[in-house]
PDB file of N, CA and C in Angstrom:
ATOM      1  N   MET A   1     -21.901 -14.047  -9.187  1.00  0.00           N
ATOM      2  CA  MET A   1     -21.080 -12.671  -8.901  1.00  0.00           C
ATOM      3  C   MET A   1     -20.028 -12.340  -9.733  1.00  0.00           C
ATOM      4  N   PHE A   2     -18.706 -12.573 -10.555  1.00  0.00           N
ATOM      5  CA  PHE A   2     -17.823 -12.694 -10.761  1.00  0.00           C
ATOM      6  C   PHE A   2     -18.079 -12.556 -12.817  1.00  0.00           C
ATOM      7  N   ALA A   3     -19.250 -13.648 -12.775  1.00  0.00           N
ATOM      8  CA  ALA A   3     -19.631 -13.927 -14.172  1.00  0.00           C
ATOM      9  C   ALA A   3     -20.523 -12.140 -14.360  1.00  0.00           C
ATOM     10  N   SER A   4     -20.762 -11.976 -13.212  1.00  0.00           N
ATOM     11  CA  SER A   4     -21.604 -10.648 -13.890  1.00  0.00           C
ATOM     12  C   SER A   4     -21.397  -9.533 -13.916  1.00  0.00           C
ATOM     13  N   ALA A   5     -19.930  -9.943 -13.437  1.00  0.00           N
ATOM     14  CA  ALA A   5     -19.189  -7.840 -13.253  1.00  0.00           C
ATOM     15  C   ALA A   5     -18.551  -7.272 -14.760  1.00  0.00           C
ATOM     16  N   ASP A   6     -18.764  -6.221 -14.612  1.00  0.00           N
ATOM     17  CA  ASP A   6     -17.962  -5.400 -15.780  1.00  0.00           C
ATOM     18  C   ASP A   6     -16.443  -6.146 -15.940  1.00  0.00           C
ATOM     19  N   ALA A   7     -15.654  -5.051 -14.420  1.00  0.00           N
ATOM     20  CA  ALA A   7     -14.321  -5.043 -14.282  1.00  0.00           C
ATOM     21  C   ALA A   7     -14.274  -6.062 -13.302  1.00  0.00           C
ATOM     22  N   PRO A   8     -13.299  -6.789 -13.510  1.00  0.00           N
ATOM     23  CA  PRO A   8     -12.343  -7.426 -12.027  1.00  0.00           C
ATOM     24  C   PRO A   8     -13.150  -6.583 -10.807  1.00  0.00           C
ATOM     25  N   LEU A   9     -13.002  -8.111  -9.479  1.00  0.00           N
ATOM     26  CA  LEU A   9     -13.544  -7.208  -8.589  1.00  0.00           C
ATOM     27  C   LEU A   9     -12.036  -7.137  -6.903  1.00  0.00           C
ATOM     28  N   ARG A  10     -12.756  -6.112  -6.790  1.00  0.00           N
ATOM     29  CA  ARG A  10     -11.353  -6.122  -4.485  1.00  0.00           C
ATOM     30  C   ARG A  10     -12.487  -6.817  -3.717  1.00  0.00           C
ATOM     31  N   ALA A  11     -11.642  -7.594  -3.342  1.00  0.00           N
ATOM     32  CA  ALA A  11     -11.662  -7.775  -1.527  1.00  0.00           C
ATOM     33  C   ALA A  11     -12.706  -7.559  -1.335  1.00  0.00           C
ATOM     34  N   ARG A  12     -12.898  -5.924  -0.638  1.00  0.00           N
ATOM     35  CA  ARG A  12     -14.232  -5.173  -0.820  1.00  0.00           C
ATOM     36  C   ARG A  12     -15.862  -5.555  -1.316  1.00  0.00           C
ATOM     37  N   ALA A  13     -15.052  -5.477  -2.222  1.00  0.00           N
ATOM     38  CA  ALA A  13     -16.632  -5.312  -2.999  1.00  0.00           C
ATOM     39  C   ALA A  13     -17.235  -6.919  -3.178  1.00  0.00           C
ATOM     40  N   VAL A  14     -16.184  -7.748  -2.705  1.00  0.00           N
ATOM     41  CA  VAL A  14     -16.774  -9.965  -3.201  1.00  0.00           C
ATOM     42  C   VAL A  14     -17.462  -9.042  -1.520  1.00  0.00           C
ATOM     43  N   CYS A  15     -17.092  -8.371  -0.250  1.00  0.00           N
ATOM     44  CA  CYS A  15     -17.440  -8.884   0.493  1.00  0.00           C
ATOM     45  C   CYS A  15     -18.903  -8.109   0.969  1.00  0.00           C
ATOM     46  N   GLN A  16     -19.132  -6.671   0.220  1.00  0.00           N
ATOM     47  CA  GLN A  16     -20.233  -6.355  -0.133  1.00  0.00           C
ATOM     48  C   GLN A  16     -20.572  -6.734  -0.177  1.00  0.00           C
ATOM     49  N   ALA A  17     -20.855  -8.011  -1.341  1.00  0.00           N
ATOM     50  CA  ALA A  17     -21.312  -8.422  -2.493  1.00  0.00           C
ATOM     51  C   ALA A  17     -21.901  -9.975  -1.664  1.00  0.00           C
ATOM     52  N   MET A  18     -21.575 -10.112  -0.483  1.00  0.00           N
ATOM     53  CA  MET A  18     -21.487 -11.220   0.289  1.00  0.00           C
ATOM     54  C   MET A  18     -22.315 -10.986   1.545  1.00  0.00           C
ATOM     55  N   ASP A  19     -22.391  -9.455   1.617  1.00  0.00           N
ATOM     56  CA  ASP A  19     -23.201  -9.832   2.742  1.00  0.00           C
ATOM     57  C   ASP A  19     -22.754  -9.664   3.922  1.00  0.00           C
ATOM     58  N   VAL A  20     -20.942  -9.620   3.631  1.00  0.00           N
ATOM     59  CA  VAL A  20     -19.959 -10.009   4.845  1.00  0.00           C
ATOM     60  C   VAL A  20     -19.115  -8.312   5.899  1.00  0.00           C
ATOM     61  N   GLU A  21     -19.838  -8.490   6.905  1.00  0.00           N
ATOM     62  CA  GLU A  21     -19.246  -7.442   7.468  1.00  0.00           C
ATOM     63  C   GLU A  21     -17.996  -6.457   6.452  1.00  0.00           C
ATOM     64  N   ILE A  22     -17.708  -4.588   6.390  1.00  0.00           N
ATOM     65  CA  ILE A  22     -17.074  -4.680   6.158  1.00  0.00           C
ATOM     66  C   ILE A  22     -15.443  -4.402   7.964  1.00  0.00           C
ATOM     67  N   ALA A  23     -15.322  -5.359   8.054  1.00  0.00           N
ATOM     68  CA  ALA A  23     -14.069  -6.027   8.780  1.00  0.00           C
ATOM     69  C   ALA A  23     -12.647  -6.068   8.362  1.00  0.00           C
ATOM     70  N   PRO A  24     -11.504  -4.970   8.868  1.00  0.00           N
ATOM     71  CA  PRO A  24     -10.256  -5.464   8.353  1.00  0.00           C
ATOM     72  C   PRO A  24     -10.218  -7.054   8.443  1.00  0.00           C
ATOM     73  N   SER A  25      -9.854  -8.000   9.119  1.00  0.00           N
ATOM     74  CA  SER A  25     -10.093  -9.194   9.251  1.00  0.00           C
ATOM     75  C   SER A  25     -11.657  -9.909   8.088  1.00  0.00           C
ATOM     76  N   ASN A  26     -12.281  -9.635   7.556  1.00  0.00           N
ATOM     77  CA  ASN A  26     -13.311  -9.718   6.882  1.00  0.00           C
ATOM     78  C   ASN A  26     -12.392  -9.730   5.401  1.00  0.00           C
ATOM     79  N   VAL A  27     -12.207  -8.447   5.189  1.00  0.00           N
ATOM     80  CA  VAL A  27     -11.392  -8.577   4.134  1.00  0.00           C
ATOM     81  C   VAL A  27     -10.436  -9.485   3.613  1.00  0.00           C
ATOM     82  N   ASN A  28      -9.203  -8.963   4.276  1.00  0.00           N
ATOM     83  CA  ASN A  28      -8.204  -9.637   4.494  1.00  0.00           C
ATOM     84  C   ASN A  28      -8.332 -12.080   4.395  1.00  0.00           C
ATOM     85  N   ASN A  29      -9.546 -12.144   4.990  1.00  0.00           N
ATOM     86  CA  ASN A  29      -9.517 -13.277   4.758  1.00  0.00           C
ATOM     87  C   ASN A  29     -10.427 -13.643   2.997  1.00  0.00           C
ATOM     88  N   VAL A  30     -11.269 -12.860   2.989  1.00  0.00           N
ATOM     89  CA  VAL A  30     -11.682 -12.977   1.196  1.00  0.00           C
ATOM     90  C   VAL A  30     -10.579 -13.232   0.732  1.00  0.00           C
ATOM     91  N   ARG A  31      -9.719 -11.755   0.749  1.00  0.00           N
ATOM     92  CA  ARG A  31      -8.254 -11.142   0.351  1.00  0.00           C
ATOM     93  C   ARG A  31      -8.289 -12.735  -0.373  1.00  0.00           C
ATOM     94  N   LEU A  32      -7.450 -13.328   0.852  1.00  0.00           N
ATOM     95  CA  LEU A  32      -6.648 -14.631   0.822  1.00  0.00           C
ATOM     96  C   LEU A  32      -7.148 -15.110   0.503  1.00  0.00           C
ATOM     97  N   LYS A  33      -8.596 -15.529   0.490  1.00  0.00           N
ATOM     98  CA  LYS A  33      -9.731 -16.990  -1.062  1.00  0.00           C
ATOM     99  C   LYS A  33      -9.435 -17.134  -1.865  1.00  0.00           C
ATOM    100  N   LEU A  34      -9.206 -15.115  -2.737  1.00  0.00           N
ATOM    101  CA  LEU A  34      -9.504 -15.258  -3.557  1.00  0.00           C
ATOM    102  C   LEU A  34      -8.214 -15.174  -4.715  1.00  0.00           C
ATOM    103  N   LYS A  35      -7.520 -15.346  -3.110  1.00  0.00           N
ATOM    104  CA  LYS A  35      -6.119 -15.532  -3.933  1.00  0.00           C
ATOM    105  C   LYS A  35      -5.026 -16.487  -4.422  1.00  0.00           C
ATOM    106  N   ARG A  36      -5.812 -17.854  -2.987  1.00  0.00           N
ATOM    107  CA  ARG A  36      -6.251 -18.882  -3.405  1.00  0.00           C
ATOM    108  C   ARG A  36      -6.784 -20.045  -4.640  1.00  0.00           C
ATOM    109  N   LEU A  37      -7.645 -18.844  -4.582  1.00  0.00           N
ATOM    110  CA  LEU A  37      -8.942 -19.171  -6.062  1.00  0.00           C
ATOM    111  C   LEU A  37      -7.585 -18.852  -7.490  1.00  0.00           C
ATOM    112  N   ALA A  38      -6.608 -17.419  -7.272  1.00  0.00           N
ATOM    113  CA  ALA A  38      -6.884 -17.955  -8.304  1.00  0.00           C
ATOM    114  C   ALA A  38      -5.107 -18.394  -8.192  1.00  0.00           C
ATOM    115  N   GLU A  39      -4.629 -19.133  -7.793  1.00  0.00           N
ATOM    116  CA  GLU A  39      -3.555 -19.994  -7.438  1.00  0.00           C
ATOM    117  C   GLU A  39      -4.211 -21.515  -8.165  1.00  0.00           C
ATOM    118  N   ARG A  40      -5.444 -21.709  -8.002  1.00  0.00           N
ATOM    119  CA  ARG A  40      -6.292 -22.830  -8.396  1.00  0.00           C
ATOM    120  C   ARG A  40      -6.335 -22.413  -9.738  1.00  0.00           C
ATOM    121  N   ARG A  41      -6.201 -20.913 -10.618  1.00  0.00           N
ATOM    122  CA  ARG A  41      -6.582 -20.935 -11.792  1.00  0.00           C
ATOM    123  C   ARG A  41      -8.113 -20.720 -12.087  1.00  0.00           C
ATOM    124  N   ILE A  42      -8.857 -20.535 -10.783  1.00  0.00           N
ATOM    125  CA  ILE A  42     -10.299 -20.985 -11.141  1.00  0.00           C
ATOM    126  C   ILE A  42     -11.301 -18.909 -11.062  1.00  0.00           C
ATOM    127  N   LEU A  43      -9.865 -18.380 -10.792  1.00  0.00           N
ATOM    128  CA  LEU A  43     -10.137 -16.700 -11.031  1.00  0.00           C
ATOM    129  C   LEU A  43      -8.927 -16.594 -11.807  1.00  0.00           C
ATOM    130  N   THR A  44      -8.181 -15.776 -11.939  1.00  0.00           N
ATOM    131  CA  THR A  44      -6.772 -14.263 -12.328  1.00  0.00           C
ATOM    132  C   THR A  44      -7.170 -13.171 -11.638  1.00  0.00           C
ATOM    133  N   GLU A  45      -5.858 -12.872 -11.128  1.00  0.00           N
ATOM    134  CA  GLU A  45      -5.360 -11.567 -10.797  1.00  0.00           C
ATOM    135  C   GLU A  45      -4.682 -10.642 -11.296  1.00  0.00           C
ATOM    136  N   THR A  46      -5.573 -10.215 -12.504  1.00  0.00           N
ATOM    137  CA  THR A  46      -5.433  -8.805 -13.045  1.00  0.00           C
ATOM    138  C   THR A  46      -4.566  -8.097 -12.648  1.00  0.00           C
ATOM    139  N   GLU A  47      -4.373  -7.742 -12.003  1.00  0.00           N
ATOM    140  CA  GLU A  47      -3.697  -6.931 -11.307  1.00  0.00           C
ATOM    141  C   GLU A  47      -3.494  -6.889  -9.630  1.00  0.00           C
ATOM    142  N   GLN A  48      -3.086  -6.839  -8.869  1.00  0.00           N
ATOM    143  CA  GLN A  48      -2.855  -6.883  -7.462  1.00  0.00           C
ATOM    144  C   GLN A  48      -4.075  -6.037  -6.777  1.00  0.00           C
ATOM    145  N   GLY A  49      -4.503  -7.675  -6.601  1.00  0.00           N
ATOM    146  CA  GLY A  49      -5.857  -7.169  -5.692  1.00  0.00           C
ATOM    147  C   GLY A  49      -6.976  -7.479  -6.114  1.00  0.00           C
ATOM    148  N   LEU A  50      -6.763  -7.440  -8.272  1.00  0.00           N
ATOM    149  CA  LEU A  50      -7.765  -7.175  -8.778  1.00  0.00           C
ATOM    150  C   LEU A  50      -8.013  -8.545  -9.107  1.00  0.00           C
ATOM    151  N   PHE A  51      -9.432  -9.584  -8.875  1.00  0.00           N
ATOM    152  CA  PHE A  51      -9.978 -11.004  -9.791  1.00  0.00           C
ATOM    153  C   PHE A  51     -10.799 -10.106 -10.594  1.00  0.00           C
ATOM    154  N   THR A  52     -10.876 -11.663 -11.604  1.00  0.00           N
ATOM    155  CA  THR A  52     -11.674 -11.698 -12.557  1.00  0.00           C
ATOM    156  C   THR A  52     -11.260 -13.737 -12.731  1.00  0.00           C
ATOM    157  N   LEU A  53     -12.514 -13.426 -13.692  1.00  0.00           N
ATOM    158  CA  LEU A  53     -12.413 -14.873 -13.912  1.00  0.00           C
ATOM    159  C   LEU A  53     -11.823 -15.273 -15.450  1.00  0.00           C
ATOM    160  N   PRO A  54     -11.371 -16.125 -15.645  1.00  0.00           N
ATOM    161  CA  PRO A  54     -10.676 -16.115 -17.165  1.00  0.00           C
ATOM    162  C   PRO A  54     -11.200 -15.961 -17.793  1.00  0.00           C
ATOM    163  N   ARG A  55     -10.419 -15.412 -18.819  1.00  0.00           N
ATOM    164  CA  ARG A  55     -10.834 -16.126 -20.203  1.00  0.00           C
ATOM    165  C   ARG A  55     -10.711 -16.652 -20.872  1.00  0.00           C
ATOM    166  N   PRO A  56     -11.712 -17.829 -22.152  1.00  0.00           N
ATOM    167  CA  PRO A  56     -11.364 -18.360 -21.912  1.00  0.00           C
ATOM    168  C   PRO A  56     -10.567 -18.522 -23.512  1.00  0.00           C
TER     169      PRO A  56
END
């Protein structure tokens, strides 16, 4: 999903792409997972709440 995205994605857009119900608890859970991936440098948080793949 991130590889084909033209711009950084928010947690809500990731939920929509994964067909997860857009509920505050689901969005928060996805946001926390995205932040963990950013801490592990699998993703990059370009701005607060915007996630993308790191550039090589």
